């Protein structure tokens, strides 16, 4: 592996990037606001699992395809953005259950896991991020092969990102806890969460690069 000085620099960059407000934090906040803490935690887990595909892609060079086939990058980017918008619309249109309880049903919580996994997999910028960041901290002459070093560093980054998502989930849950005790508060939460999701999807779709 790289020297301790390089690893300290890697840890610093990882923490700064992980806790800087970005799409993943907004996404988990939106799921939490709209469907509650359990859905937020499942969203965090879905993002975490989806991120491993990008880690493997970076380790084995698959992410480089996006650099050489810009049309593929754009297609995946638009698909992911449209999926976010679709999720946001679904949040806004959702209704309370038969018992009129402002809590997300088990089906919604499970759906948050699947949706989050798909959203993360369909985000080509994550793939490019890993392929751009990780090689900077690899030692080609190290005891571990390059691909193994990339995997280790990628897993560390993924857990750092998930820790930031976890903080976001509990923060959003705390803020909206009182609001979601009423039907009106629940409806407001759905609109806020859905609007965040739609706005995030539109932003990602129109971002250059």
C-alpha atoms as a PDB file:
ATOM      1  CA  UNK A   1       0.000   0.000   0.000  1.00  0.00           C
ATOM      2  CA  UNK A   2       0.968   3.671  -0.118  1.00  0.00           C
ATOM      3  CA  UNK A   3       2.939   5.435   2.627  1.00  0.00           C
ATOM      4  CA  UNK A   4       1.298   6.625   5.837  1.00  0.00           C
ATOM      5  CA  UNK A   5       1.532  10.230   4.644  1.00  0.00           C
ATOM      6  CA  UNK A   6      -0.347   9.320   1.480  1.00  0.00           C
ATOM      7  CA  UNK A   7      -2.967   7.381   3.452  1.00  0.00           C
ATOM      8  CA  UNK A   8      -3.531  10.376   5.756  1.00  0.00           C
ATOM      9  CA  UNK A   9      -4.066  12.550   2.684  1.00  0.00           C
ATOM     10  CA  UNK A  10      -6.447   9.923   1.297  1.00  0.00           C
ATOM     11  CA  UNK A  11      -8.420   9.826   4.559  1.00  0.00           C
ATOM     12  CA  UNK A  12      -8.667  13.624   4.618  1.00  0.00           C
ATOM     13  CA  UNK A  13      -9.927  13.833   1.040  1.00  0.00           C
ATOM     14  CA  UNK A  14     -12.392  10.997   1.652  1.00  0.00           C
ATOM     15  CA  UNK A  15     -13.942  12.620   4.723  1.00  0.00           C
ATOM     16  CA  UNK A  16     -14.216  16.015   3.027  1.00  0.00           C
ATOM     17  CA  UNK A  17     -15.901  14.556  -0.042  1.00  0.00           C
ATOM     18  CA  UNK A  18     -18.170  12.226   1.972  1.00  0.00           C
ATOM     19  CA  UNK A  19     -19.548  14.949   4.241  1.00  0.00           C
ATOM     20  CA  UNK A  20     -19.827  17.670   1.631  1.00  0.00           C
ATOM     21  CA  UNK A  21     -23.538  18.046   0.751  1.00  0.00           C
ATOM     22  CA  UNK A  22     -24.132  16.227  -2.510  1.00  0.00           C
ATOM     23  CA  UNK A  23     -26.670  14.094  -4.394  1.00  0.00           C
ATOM     24  CA  UNK A  24     -26.377  11.045  -2.097  1.00  0.00           C
ATOM     25  CA  UNK A  25     -27.011  13.085   1.059  1.00  0.00           C
ATOM     26  CA  UNK A  26     -29.951  14.878  -0.554  1.00  0.00           C
ATOM     27  CA  UNK A  27     -31.345  11.548  -1.725  1.00  0.00           C
ATOM     28  CA  UNK A  28     -31.233   9.889   1.708  1.00  0.00           C
ATOM     29  CA  UNK A  29     -32.691  13.029   3.286  1.00  0.00           C
ATOM     30  CA  UNK A  30     -35.556  12.994   0.779  1.00  0.00           C
ATOM     31  CA  UNK A  31     -36.336   9.327   1.446  1.00  0.00           C
ATOM     32  CA  UNK A  32     -36.277   9.951   5.199  1.00  0.00           C
ATOM     33  CA  UNK A  33     -38.491  13.040   5.003  1.00  0.00           C
ATOM     34  CA  UNK A  34     -40.988  11.308   2.734  1.00  0.00           C
ATOM     35  CA  UNK A  35     -41.137   7.801   4.223  1.00  0.00           C
ATOM     36  CA  UNK A  36     -39.431   7.868   7.617  1.00  0.00           C
ATOM     37  CA  UNK A  37     -36.226   6.699   9.257  1.00  0.00           C
ATOM     38  CA  UNK A  38     -36.508   3.039   8.211  1.00  0.00           C
ATOM     39  CA  UNK A  39     -36.856   4.006   4.560  1.00  0.00           C
ATOM     40  CA  UNK A  40     -33.905   6.368   4.951  1.00  0.00           C
ATOM     41  CA  UNK A  41     -31.774   3.594   6.398  1.00  0.00           C
ATOM     42  CA  UNK A  42     -32.775   1.263   3.574  1.00  0.00           C
ATOM     43  CA  UNK A  43     -31.902   4.008   1.089  1.00  0.00           C
ATOM     44  CA  UNK A  44     -28.497   4.322   2.718  1.00  0.00           C
ATOM     45  CA  UNK A  45     -27.983   0.558   2.466  1.00  0.00           C
ATOM     46  CA  UNK A  46     -29.070   0.511  -1.186  1.00  0.00           C
ATOM     47  CA  UNK A  47     -26.583   3.256  -2.048  1.00  0.00           C
ATOM     48  CA  UNK A  48     -23.865   1.432  -0.111  1.00  0.00           C
ATOM     49  CA  UNK A  49     -24.462  -1.836  -1.986  1.00  0.00           C
ATOM     50  CA  UNK A  50     -24.746  -0.125  -5.369  1.00  0.00           C
ATOM     51  CA  UNK A  51     -21.514   1.717  -4.759  1.00  0.00           C
ATOM     52  CA  UNK A  52     -19.621  -1.594  -4.629  1.00  0.00           C
ATOM     53  CA  UNK A  53     -20.324  -2.094  -8.324  1.00  0.00           C
ATOM     54  CA  UNK A  54     -18.484   1.158  -9.012  1.00  0.00           C
ATOM     55  CA  UNK A  55     -15.647   0.096  -6.719  1.00  0.00           C
ATOM     56  CA  UNK A  56     -15.258  -3.171  -8.639  1.00  0.00           C
ATOM     57  CA  UNK A  57     -15.494  -1.286 -11.923  1.00  0.00           C
ATOM     58  CA  UNK A  58     -12.709   1.068 -10.844  1.00  0.00           C
ATOM     59  CA  UNK A  59     -10.554  -1.805  -9.616  1.00  0.00           C
ATOM     60  CA  UNK A  60     -10.847  -3.738 -12.857  1.00  0.00           C
ATOM     61  CA  UNK A  61     -10.867  -0.817 -15.270  1.00  0.00           C
ATOM     62  CA  UNK A  62     -14.474  -1.005 -16.418  1.00  0.00           C
ATOM     63  CA  UNK A  63     -15.166   2.632 -15.563  1.00  0.00           C
ATOM     64  CA  UNK A  64     -12.702   3.684 -18.265  1.00  0.00           C
ATOM     65  CA  UNK A  65     -15.381   2.749 -20.807  1.00  0.00           C
ATOM     66  CA  UNK A  66     -17.283   5.912 -19.907  1.00  0.00           C
ATOM     67  CA  UNK A  67     -14.249   7.984 -20.894  1.00  0.00           C
ATOM     68  CA  UNK A  68     -14.056   6.480 -24.355  1.00  0.00           C
ATOM     69  CA  UNK A  69     -17.792   6.084 -25.062  1.00  0.00           C
ATOM     70  CA  UNK A  70     -19.412   9.416 -24.124  1.00  0.00           C
ATOM     71  CA  UNK A  71     -22.726   8.311 -25.653  1.00  0.00           C
ATOM     72  CA  UNK A  72     -22.942   5.449 -23.148  1.00  0.00           C
ATOM     73  CA  UNK A  73     -22.115   7.818 -20.303  1.00  0.00           C
ATOM     74  CA  UNK A  74     -24.881  10.206 -21.369  1.00  0.00           C
ATOM     75  CA  UNK A  75     -27.427   7.404 -21.788  1.00  0.00           C
ATOM     76  CA  UNK A  76     -26.771   6.032 -18.293  1.00  0.00           C
ATOM     77  CA  UNK A  77     -26.790   9.542 -16.831  1.00  0.00           C
ATOM     78  CA  UNK A  78     -30.186  10.419 -18.342  1.00  0.00           C
ATOM     79  CA  UNK A  79     -31.657   7.048 -17.318  1.00  0.00           C
ATOM     80  CA  UNK A  80     -30.595   7.585 -13.717  1.00  0.00           C
ATOM     81  CA  UNK A  81     -31.928  11.153 -13.655  1.00  0.00           C
ATOM     82  CA  UNK A  82     -35.301  10.119 -15.079  1.00  0.00           C
ATOM     83  CA  UNK A  83     -35.527   7.330 -12.512  1.00  0.00           C
ATOM     84  CA  UNK A  84     -35.014   9.882  -9.726  1.00  0.00           C
ATOM     85  CA  UNK A  85     -37.781  12.064 -11.147  1.00  0.00           C
ATOM     86  CA  UNK A  86     -40.067   9.029 -11.345  1.00  0.00           C
ATOM     87  CA  UNK A  87     -39.372   8.189  -7.693  1.00  0.00           C
ATOM     88  CA  UNK A  88     -40.089  11.793  -6.690  1.00  0.00           C
ATOM     89  CA  UNK A  89     -43.422  11.819  -8.502  1.00  0.00           C
ATOM     90  CA  UNK A  90     -44.314   8.534  -6.797  1.00  0.00           C
ATOM     91  CA  UNK A  91     -43.540  10.071  -3.399  1.00  0.00           C
ATOM     92  CA  UNK A  92     -45.830  13.026  -4.032  1.00  0.00           C
ATOM     93  CA  UNK A  93     -48.671  10.846  -5.331  1.00  0.00           C
ATOM     94  CA  UNK A  94     -48.483   8.287  -2.499  1.00  0.00           C
ATOM     95  CA  UNK A  95     -51.343   8.102  -0.002  1.00  0.00           C
ATOM     96  CA  UNK A  96     -51.813   7.027   3.595  1.00  0.00           C
ATOM     97  CA  UNK A  97     -52.703   3.443   4.321  1.00  0.00           C
ATOM     98  CA  UNK A  98     -56.076   2.170   5.418  1.00  0.00           C
ATOM     99  CA  UNK A  99     -55.295   2.821   9.059  1.00  0.00           C
ATOM    100  CA  UNK A 100     -54.409   6.446   8.223  1.00  0.00           C
ATOM    101  CA  UNK A 101     -51.069   6.097   9.966  1.00  0.00           C
ATOM    102  CA  UNK A 102     -48.324   8.499   8.831  1.00  0.00           C
ATOM    103  CA  UNK A 103     -45.782   5.680   8.679  1.00  0.00           C
ATOM    104  CA  UNK A 104     -44.240   4.045   5.625  1.00  0.00           C
ATOM    105  CA  UNK A 105     -45.501   0.481   5.065  1.00  0.00           C
ATOM    106  CA  UNK A 106     -43.010  -2.382   4.891  1.00  0.00           C
ATOM    107  CA  UNK A 107     -43.381  -2.482   1.094  1.00  0.00           C
ATOM    108  CA  UNK A 108     -42.304   1.169   0.838  1.00  0.00           C
ATOM    109  CA  UNK A 109     -39.285   0.572   3.072  1.00  0.00           C
ATOM    110  CA  UNK A 110     -38.173  -2.395   0.960  1.00  0.00           C
ATOM    111  CA  UNK A 111     -38.772  -0.394  -2.191  1.00  0.00           C
ATOM    112  CA  UNK A 112     -36.433   2.302  -0.899  1.00  0.00           C
ATOM    113  CA  UNK A 113     -33.629  -0.281  -0.810  1.00  0.00           C
ATOM    114  CA  UNK A 114     -34.191  -1.349  -4.425  1.00  0.00           C
ATOM    115  CA  UNK A 115     -34.698   2.191  -5.725  1.00  0.00           C
ATOM    116  CA  UNK A 116     -31.536   3.420  -4.031  1.00  0.00           C
ATOM    117  CA  UNK A 117     -29.488   0.534  -5.404  1.00  0.00           C
ATOM    118  CA  UNK A 118     -30.702   1.265  -8.949  1.00  0.00           C
ATOM    119  CA  UNK A 119     -30.115   5.016  -8.584  1.00  0.00           C
ATOM    120  CA  UNK A 120     -26.533   4.450  -7.427  1.00  0.00           C
ATOM    121  CA  UNK A 121     -25.763   1.945 -10.179  1.00  0.00           C
ATOM    122  CA  UNK A 122     -27.162   4.354 -12.806  1.00  0.00           C
ATOM    123  CA  UNK A 123     -24.943   7.224 -11.667  1.00  0.00           C
ATOM    124  CA  UNK A 124     -21.912   7.259 -14.000  1.00  0.00           C
ATOM    125  CA  UNK A 125     -20.355  10.160 -12.104  1.00  0.00           C
ATOM    126  CA  UNK A 126     -19.733   7.831  -9.173  1.00  0.00           C
ATOM    127  CA  UNK A 127     -17.850   5.463 -11.472  1.00  0.00           C
ATOM    128  CA  UNK A 128     -15.720   8.306 -12.825  1.00  0.00           C
ATOM    129  CA  UNK A 129     -15.117   9.598  -9.307  1.00  0.00           C
ATOM    130  CA  UNK A 130     -13.634   6.299  -8.197  1.00  0.00           C
ATOM    131  CA  UNK A 131     -11.522   5.861 -11.319  1.00  0.00           C
ATOM    132  CA  UNK A 132     -10.192   9.419 -10.882  1.00  0.00           C
ATOM    133  CA  UNK A 133      -9.572   9.346  -7.116  1.00  0.00           C
ATOM    134  CA  UNK A 134      -8.375   5.882  -6.166  1.00  0.00           C
ATOM    135  CA  UNK A 135      -5.361   5.541  -8.510  1.00  0.00           C
ATOM    136  CA  UNK A 136      -3.864   8.679  -6.951  1.00  0.00           C
ATOM    137  CA  UNK A 137      -3.270   6.762  -3.722  1.00  0.00           C
ATOM    138  CA  UNK A 138      -2.034   3.439  -5.122  1.00  0.00           C
ATOM    139  CA  UNK A 139       1.578   2.297  -4.882  1.00  0.00           C
ATOM    140  CA  UNK A 140       2.429   0.203  -7.974  1.00  0.00           C
ATOM    141  CA  UNK A 141       5.456  -1.185  -6.125  1.00  0.00           C
ATOM    142  CA  UNK A 142       3.447  -2.134  -3.037  1.00  0.00           C
ATOM    143  CA  UNK A 143       3.087  -5.627  -1.606  1.00  0.00           C
ATOM    144  CA  UNK A 144      -0.522  -5.845  -2.782  1.00  0.00           C
ATOM    145  CA  UNK A 145      -1.393  -5.875  -6.490  1.00  0.00           C
ATOM    146  CA  UNK A 146      -2.876  -2.662  -7.846  1.00  0.00           C
ATOM    147  CA  UNK A 147      -6.377  -4.108  -8.208  1.00  0.00           C
ATOM    148  CA  UNK A 148      -6.367  -5.231  -4.561  1.00  0.00           C
ATOM    149  CA  UNK A 149      -5.232  -1.794  -3.385  1.00  0.00           C
ATOM    150  CA  UNK A 150      -8.027  -0.201  -5.415  1.00  0.00           C
ATOM    151  CA  UNK A 151     -10.574  -2.517  -3.820  1.00  0.00           C
ATOM    152  CA  UNK A 152      -9.365  -1.745  -0.290  1.00  0.00           C
ATOM    153  CA  UNK A 153      -9.391   2.004  -0.893  1.00  0.00           C
ATOM    154  CA  UNK A 154     -12.804   1.795  -2.562  1.00  0.00           C
ATOM    155  CA  UNK A 155     -14.324  -0.045   0.389  1.00  0.00           C
ATOM    156  CA  UNK A 156     -12.925   2.588   2.766  1.00  0.00           C
ATOM    157  CA  UNK A 157     -14.450   5.382   0.665  1.00  0.00           C
ATOM    158  CA  UNK A 158     -17.785   3.581   0.524  1.00  0.00           C
ATOM    159  CA  UNK A 159     -17.983   3.220   4.301  1.00  0.00           C
ATOM    160  CA  UNK A 160     -17.068   6.887   4.730  1.00  0.00           C
ATOM    161  CA  UNK A 161     -19.888   7.857   2.375  1.00  0.00           C
ATOM    162  CA  UNK A 162     -22.312   5.599   4.241  1.00  0.00           C
ATOM    163  CA  UNK A 163     -21.352   7.180   7.566  1.00  0.00           C
ATOM    164  CA  UNK A 164     -22.302  10.579   6.139  1.00  0.00           C
ATOM    165  CA  UNK A 165     -25.571   9.129   4.831  1.00  0.00           C
ATOM    166  CA  UNK A 166     -26.283   7.707   8.291  1.00  0.00           C
ATOM    167  CA  UNK A 167     -25.788  11.103   9.915  1.00  0.00           C
ATOM    168  CA  UNK A 168     -28.114  12.611   7.313  1.00  0.00           C
ATOM    169  CA  UNK A 169     -30.840  10.028   7.930  1.00  0.00           C
ATOM    170  CA  UNK A 170     -30.887  10.561  11.693  1.00  0.00           C
ATOM    171  CA  UNK A 171     -30.641  14.330  11.282  1.00  0.00           C
ATOM    172  CA  UNK A 172     -33.581  14.445   8.864  1.00  0.00           C
ATOM    173  CA  UNK A 173     -35.542  12.012  11.023  1.00  0.00           C
ATOM    174  CA  UNK A 174     -35.060  14.212  14.071  1.00  0.00           C
ATOM    175  CA  UNK A 175     -36.108  17.374  12.251  1.00  0.00           C
ATOM    176  CA  UNK A 176     -39.319  15.943  10.789  1.00  0.00           C
ATOM    177  CA  UNK A 177     -40.241  13.685  13.720  1.00  0.00           C
ATOM    178  CA  UNK A 178     -42.881  15.996  15.126  1.00  0.00           C
ATOM    179  CA  UNK A 179     -44.142  17.037  11.711  1.00  0.00           C
ATOM    180  CA  UNK A 180     -44.952  13.468  10.661  1.00  0.00           C
ATOM    181  CA  UNK A 181     -47.210  12.775  13.648  1.00  0.00           C
ATOM    182  CA  UNK A 182     -50.146  14.313  11.798  1.00  0.00           C
ATOM    183  CA  UNK A 183     -51.750  13.666   8.410  1.00  0.00           C
ATOM    184  CA  UNK A 184     -50.985  17.202   7.295  1.00  0.00           C
ATOM    185  CA  UNK A 185     -47.383  16.839   8.368  1.00  0.00           C
ATOM    186  CA  UNK A 186     -47.122  13.520   6.561  1.00  0.00           C
ATOM    187  CA  UNK A 187     -48.458  15.079   3.358  1.00  0.00           C
ATOM    188  CA  UNK A 188     -46.004  17.963   3.659  1.00  0.00           C
ATOM    189  CA  UNK A 189     -43.166  15.476   4.141  1.00  0.00           C
ATOM    190  CA  UNK A 190     -44.171  13.638   0.966  1.00  0.00           C
ATOM    191  CA  UNK A 191     -44.193  16.868  -1.018  1.00  0.00           C
ATOM    192  CA  UNK A 192     -40.834  18.009   0.349  1.00  0.00           C
ATOM    193  CA  UNK A 193     -39.204  14.625  -0.206  1.00  0.00           C
ATOM    194  CA  UNK A 194     -40.696  14.201  -3.662  1.00  0.00           C
ATOM    195  CA  UNK A 195     -39.739  17.722  -4.709  1.00  0.00           C
ATOM    196  CA  UNK A 196     -36.173  17.181  -3.545  1.00  0.00           C
ATOM    197  CA  UNK A 197     -36.009  13.962  -5.556  1.00  0.00           C
ATOM    198  CA  UNK A 198     -37.422  15.556  -8.729  1.00  0.00           C
ATOM    199  CA  UNK A 199     -35.126  18.570  -8.388  1.00  0.00           C
ATOM    200  CA  UNK A 200     -32.133  16.305  -7.870  1.00  0.00           C
ATOM    201  CA  UNK A 201     -33.014  14.262 -10.952  1.00  0.00           C
ATOM    202  CA  UNK A 202     -33.400  17.377 -13.108  1.00  0.00           C
ATOM    203  CA  UNK A 203     -30.141  18.811 -11.823  1.00  0.00           C
ATOM    204  CA  UNK A 204     -28.222  15.630 -12.584  1.00  0.00           C
ATOM    205  CA  UNK A 205     -29.779  15.437 -16.048  1.00  0.00           C
ATOM    206  CA  UNK A 206     -28.799  19.006 -16.935  1.00  0.00           C
ATOM    207  CA  UNK A 207     -25.336  19.058 -15.329  1.00  0.00           C
ATOM    208  CA  UNK A 208     -22.530  19.207 -17.844  1.00  0.00           C
ATOM    209  CA  UNK A 209     -19.814  16.583 -17.702  1.00  0.00           C
END
